[in-house]
Protein backbone atom coordinates (compact mmCIF):
# COMPACT_ATOMS: atom_id res chain seq x y z
CA MET A 1 -23.37 -10.66 -12.91
CA SER A 2 -21.49 -10.71 -16.30
CA ILE A 3 -17.64 -10.40 -16.24
CA LYS A 4 -16.56 -7.60 -18.45
CA PHE A 5 -13.90 -8.03 -21.07
CA ASN A 6 -11.84 -5.65 -23.46
CA VAL A 7 -10.92 -6.44 -26.86
CA GLN A 8 -7.06 -6.75 -27.78
CA GLY A 9 -5.34 -6.73 -30.88
CA ILE A 10 -2.18 -8.83 -31.18
CA GLY A 11 0.16 -9.06 -33.86
CA ASN A 12 1.81 -12.39 -34.94
CA PRO A 13 5.23 -12.32 -33.58
CA GLN A 14 6.46 -14.69 -36.29
CA ASP A 15 5.31 -12.46 -39.22
CA ALA A 16 5.35 -8.86 -38.49
CA ASN A 17 3.48 -8.00 -41.61
CA ALA A 18 0.39 -10.32 -40.80
CA PRO A 19 -2.59 -8.32 -39.68
CA LYS A 20 -3.48 -8.41 -36.01
CA LYS A 21 -6.16 -10.77 -34.63
CA PHE A 22 -8.47 -9.53 -31.95
CA TYR A 23 -9.01 -11.29 -28.47
CA ALA A 24 -11.46 -10.92 -25.61
CA ARG A 25 -9.41 -10.33 -22.18
CA PRO A 26 -11.43 -10.36 -19.16
CA ILE A 27 -11.18 -7.10 -17.07
CA SER A 28 -10.33 -7.68 -13.32
CA SER A 29 -12.80 -6.39 -10.89
CA GLY A 30 -10.02 -5.86 -8.30
CA GLU A 31 -8.39 -8.11 -5.69
CA ILE A 32 -9.40 -10.24 -2.81
CA THR A 33 -6.55 -10.64 -0.02
CA LEU A 34 -6.22 -13.45 2.32
CA GLU A 35 -7.36 -10.81 5.01
CA ASP A 36 -10.47 -10.19 2.86
CA LEU A 37 -11.11 -13.98 2.65
CA ALA A 38 -10.60 -14.39 6.33
CA SER A 39 -12.94 -11.70 7.02
CA ASP A 40 -15.70 -13.10 4.77
CA ILE A 41 -15.19 -16.69 6.04
CA SER A 42 -15.55 -15.47 9.66
CA HIS A 43 -18.86 -13.47 8.82
CA ALA A 44 -20.25 -16.76 7.19
CA SER A 45 -19.35 -18.83 10.20
CA SER A 46 -19.01 -19.28 13.94
CA ILE A 47 -15.16 -19.02 13.59
CA ASN A 48 -13.47 -15.64 14.37
CA GLU A 49 -11.32 -13.78 12.03
CA ALA A 50 -7.84 -14.57 13.84
CA ASP A 51 -8.56 -18.25 13.80
CA VAL A 52 -9.49 -18.22 10.05
CA MET A 53 -6.36 -16.25 9.47
CA ALA A 54 -4.20 -18.95 11.27
CA VAL A 55 -5.68 -21.70 9.30
CA LEU A 56 -5.12 -19.95 5.95
CA TYR A 57 -1.53 -18.93 6.85
CA SER A 58 -1.18 -22.52 7.62
CA LEU A 59 -2.51 -23.51 4.63
CA VAL A 60 -0.20 -21.13 2.40
CA ARG A 61 2.80 -22.56 4.34
CA GLU A 62 1.91 -26.14 3.85
CA ILE A 63 1.04 -26.08 0.22
CA PRO A 64 4.70 -25.37 -0.97
CA ARG A 65 6.28 -27.64 1.85
CA ASN A 66 4.25 -30.65 0.80
CA LEU A 67 4.98 -29.85 -3.01
CA SER A 68 8.48 -29.71 -2.18
CA HIS A 69 8.32 -33.15 -1.09
CA GLY A 70 6.79 -34.41 -4.01
CA TYR A 71 3.14 -34.71 -2.98
CA ILE A 72 0.03 -33.76 -4.82
CA VAL A 73 -1.93 -31.23 -2.82
CA ARG A 74 -5.83 -31.85 -2.99
CA LEU A 75 -8.15 -29.34 -1.71
CA GLY A 76 -11.41 -31.01 -2.18
CA GLY A 77 -13.97 -29.07 -4.40
CA LEU A 78 -11.24 -26.21 -5.00
CA GLY A 79 -8.65 -28.32 -6.80
CA SER A 80 -5.47 -29.63 -6.73
CA PHE A 81 -1.71 -28.46 -6.92
CA ARG A 82 1.15 -30.47 -8.30
CA LEU A 83 4.94 -29.69 -9.70
CA GLY A 84 5.48 -29.51 -13.00
CA THR A 85 8.78 -29.44 -14.81
CA GLY A 86 10.22 -28.56 -18.32
CA SER A 87 13.34 -30.48 -19.16
CA LEU A 88 15.59 -30.68 -22.24
CA GLY A 89 15.21 -33.82 -24.48
CA SER A 90 18.42 -36.37 -24.72
CA ASP A 91 18.88 -39.20 -27.25
CA THR A 92 18.97 -41.80 -24.62
CA ALA A 93 17.48 -42.49 -21.24
CA GLU A 94 20.81 -42.78 -19.74
CA GLU A 95 21.78 -39.31 -20.61
CA VAL A 96 18.85 -37.88 -18.75
CA THR A 97 19.93 -36.11 -15.40
CA ALA A 98 18.52 -33.62 -13.04
CA ALA A 99 20.45 -31.18 -15.02
CA ASN A 100 18.03 -31.58 -17.90
CA ILE A 101 15.36 -29.96 -15.88
CA HIS A 102 15.45 -26.11 -16.53
CA ARG A 103 11.90 -25.09 -15.40
CA LYS A 104 9.80 -25.88 -12.35
CA ARG A 105 6.34 -24.75 -11.76
CA VAL A 106 3.08 -25.07 -9.88
CA LEU A 107 0.16 -26.78 -11.78
CA PHE A 108 -3.34 -26.20 -10.63
CA HIS A 109 -6.11 -28.44 -11.77
CA ASN A 110 -9.83 -27.02 -10.96
CA GLY A 111 -11.89 -29.07 -8.72
CA LYS A 112 -15.57 -29.58 -9.13
CA ARG A 113 -16.70 -26.38 -7.43
CA ILE A 114 -14.32 -24.22 -9.55
CA LYS A 115 -15.51 -26.15 -12.71
CA ASN A 116 -19.14 -25.50 -11.89
CA ALA A 117 -18.44 -21.66 -11.19
CA LEU A 118 -16.57 -21.37 -14.50
CA SER A 119 -19.42 -23.01 -16.57
CA SER A 120 -22.15 -20.65 -15.34
CA LEU A 121 -20.00 -17.38 -16.06
CA THR A 122 -21.52 -14.74 -18.45
CA PHE A 123 -19.47 -12.24 -20.19
CA GLN A 124 -20.12 -8.70 -21.35
CA LYS A 125 -18.04 -6.54 -23.86
CA ASN A 126 -16.77 -3.25 -22.04
CA GLU A 127 -17.98 -0.39 -24.22
CA SER A 128 -16.16 2.27 -22.55
């Protein structure tokens, strides 16, 4: 099944007089919640939904806990999570302190299963 996309015109923020360029933007098909995933997983296995939810809630709790301890969290074919930062530059290494860090974020790197899924995607322009 193809993923639908809209076309969006975006102006150049550095040059208000420049003509807009047009970009493809995927259209979301909706949301899948943790509860939906638990239900789907339980139907595809011999594990009941409550046990699947318990495992998923534990995963949601453990990923940030391990990231906050400096670990990279690898989830097999799904991918890995790691901490990323943005910091201000200094003229010398001695001047760099924790105060230079101004942004913290979580970086996700696709695993093999997601890369394979992405490589087989097809797209269709939304005509409505």
